[in-house]
Protein backbone atom coordinates (compact mmCIF):
# COMPACT_ATOMS: atom_id res chain seq x y z
CA MET A 1 0.15 0.10 0.01
CA GLU A 2 1.19 3.39 -0.84
CA VAL A 3 1.75 5.92 2.14
CA PRO A 4 -1.51 7.84 2.21
CA LYS A 5 -0.90 11.87 1.51
CA ASP A 6 -3.68 12.94 3.12
CA ILE A 7 -3.43 11.29 6.42
CA ILE A 8 0.62 12.29 6.48
CA GLU A 9 -1.01 15.94 6.06
CA SER A 10 -4.06 15.56 8.49
CA PHE A 11 -1.75 14.13 11.32
CA GLU A 12 1.12 16.67 10.40
CA ILE A 13 3.93 13.59 10.01
CA ASP A 14 6.62 14.77 8.56
CA GLU A 15 7.39 12.82 5.68
CA GLN A 16 11.46 13.24 6.07
CA LEU A 17 10.85 11.02 9.09
CA LEU A 18 9.97 8.25 6.40
CA PRO A 19 12.72 5.91 4.88
CA SER A 20 13.71 6.93 1.49
CA THR A 21 13.62 3.79 -0.42
CA THR A 22 11.58 2.24 -3.38
CA ASN A 23 10.35 -0.62 -0.75
CA GLU A 24 6.78 0.18 -0.60
CA GLU A 25 6.21 -2.67 2.39
CA GLU A 26 9.29 -0.90 4.21
CA LYS A 27 8.03 2.66 3.88
CA PHE A 28 4.42 1.66 5.02
CA ARG A 29 5.50 -0.16 8.08
CA ALA A 30 7.43 2.94 8.78
CA PHE A 31 4.35 5.28 8.35
CA ARG A 32 2.34 3.13 10.60
CA ASN A 33 4.75 3.07 13.46
CA LEU A 34 4.77 6.95 13.06
CA LEU A 35 0.87 7.28 12.74
CA ILE A 36 1.16 5.20 15.90
CA ARG A 37 3.23 7.59 17.60
CA ARG A 38 1.26 10.88 16.62
CA ILE A 39 -2.22 9.22 17.56
CA GLU A 40 -0.45 8.68 21.09
CA GLU A 41 0.75 12.27 21.18
CA LEU A 42 -2.73 13.53 20.04
CA ALA A 43 -4.60 11.54 22.71
CA GLU A 44 -1.86 12.93 25.54
CA LYS A 45 -2.25 16.33 24.56
CA ASP A 46 -5.22 16.91 22.12
CA MET A 47 -7.60 14.57 21.70
CA ASP A 48 -10.38 17.05 20.62
CA LYS A 49 -8.39 17.29 17.46
CA LEU A 50 -8.01 13.75 17.09
CA PHE A 51 -11.09 13.01 16.91
CA TRP A 52 -11.71 15.77 14.60
CA ILE A 53 -9.40 14.17 12.12
CA LEU A 54 -10.76 10.85 12.49
CA TYR A 55 -13.79 12.78 11.71
CA ARG A 56 -12.33 14.19 9.07
CA ILE A 57 -11.09 11.05 7.33
CA ASP A 58 -14.36 9.59 7.46
CA VAL A 59 -13.38 6.71 10.16
CA ASN A 60 -16.68 5.40 11.33
CA GLU A 61 -17.78 6.70 14.48
CA LYS A 62 -19.87 3.51 15.59
CA THR A 63 -16.86 1.23 14.34
CA LEU A 64 -14.35 3.42 16.16
CA ARG A 65 -16.32 3.45 19.32
CA GLU A 66 -16.83 -0.27 19.42
CA THR A 67 -13.47 -1.49 18.65
CA LEU A 68 -12.25 0.97 21.32
CA GLN A 69 -14.36 -0.46 23.82
CA GLN A 70 -13.00 -3.63 23.33
CA THR A 71 -9.24 -2.63 23.22
CA PRO A 72 -6.69 -2.38 26.10
CA PRO A 73 -6.04 1.04 26.66
CA ASP A 74 -2.18 0.28 25.66
CA GLN A 75 -3.09 -0.95 21.99
CA PHE A 76 -5.44 2.22 21.79
CA ALA A 77 -3.10 4.38 19.10
CA LEU A 78 -2.42 1.00 17.42
CA THR A 79 -6.03 0.37 17.35
CA ILE A 80 -6.82 3.29 15.82
CA ALA A 81 -4.08 3.54 13.40
CA ASP A 82 -5.44 0.40 11.50
CA LEU A 83 -8.91 1.62 11.60
CA ILE A 84 -7.70 4.59 9.54
CA ILE A 85 -5.34 2.51 7.39
CA GLN A 86 -8.52 0.20 6.93
CA ARG A 87 -10.60 3.31 6.05
CA GLN A 88 -8.02 4.14 3.43
CA LEU A 89 -7.66 0.87 1.62
CA LYS A 90 -11.75 0.84 1.46
CA LYS A 91 -11.22 4.50 -0.28
CA ILE A 92 -8.91 3.09 -2.62
CA GLU A 93 -10.99 0.07 -3.34
CA THR A 94 -14.36 2.27 -3.87
CA ARG A 95 -12.51 4.61 -6.03
CA LYS A 96 -11.34 1.66 -8.33
CA LEU A 97 -14.48 0.76 -8.71
CA PHE A 98 -16.45 4.11 -9.24
CA GLY A 99 -13.31 5.90 -10.47
CA GLY A 100 -13.37 7.02 -14.43
CA LYS A 101 -16.82 5.97 -15.03
CA GLY A 102 -18.42 8.99 -16.42
CA ASP A 103 -17.71 10.91 -13.11
CA ASP A 104 -18.62 14.17 -14.62
CA TRP A 105 -20.82 15.62 -12.18
CA SER A 106 -21.88 18.47 -14.04
CA PHE A 107 -25.68 19.49 -13.53
CA ASP A 108 -25.83 22.57 -16.09
CA VAL A 109 -28.87 22.60 -17.70
């Protein structure tokens, strides 16, 4: 999976911290670890901002709530990171299904 630019921007992750390699898997693992650390940081300092970002990137609130109720506190950031990644994968899948199929939304009459 390619490192999602919108998540990097939303969570204000410094891209220079990602390894400069062509190995996408290695880059993705590093991104996931940075995302987990950033979530931990936001959870500690600015929980409102964390939930605003989750809302903005469209992580399902019900799924988030249910998942967090079943998650040990020490797994909080990891769980949220995985929910974000799952949502990104779903977005990619949806774009592949519907992208390029007459997506002209012009309503000019």
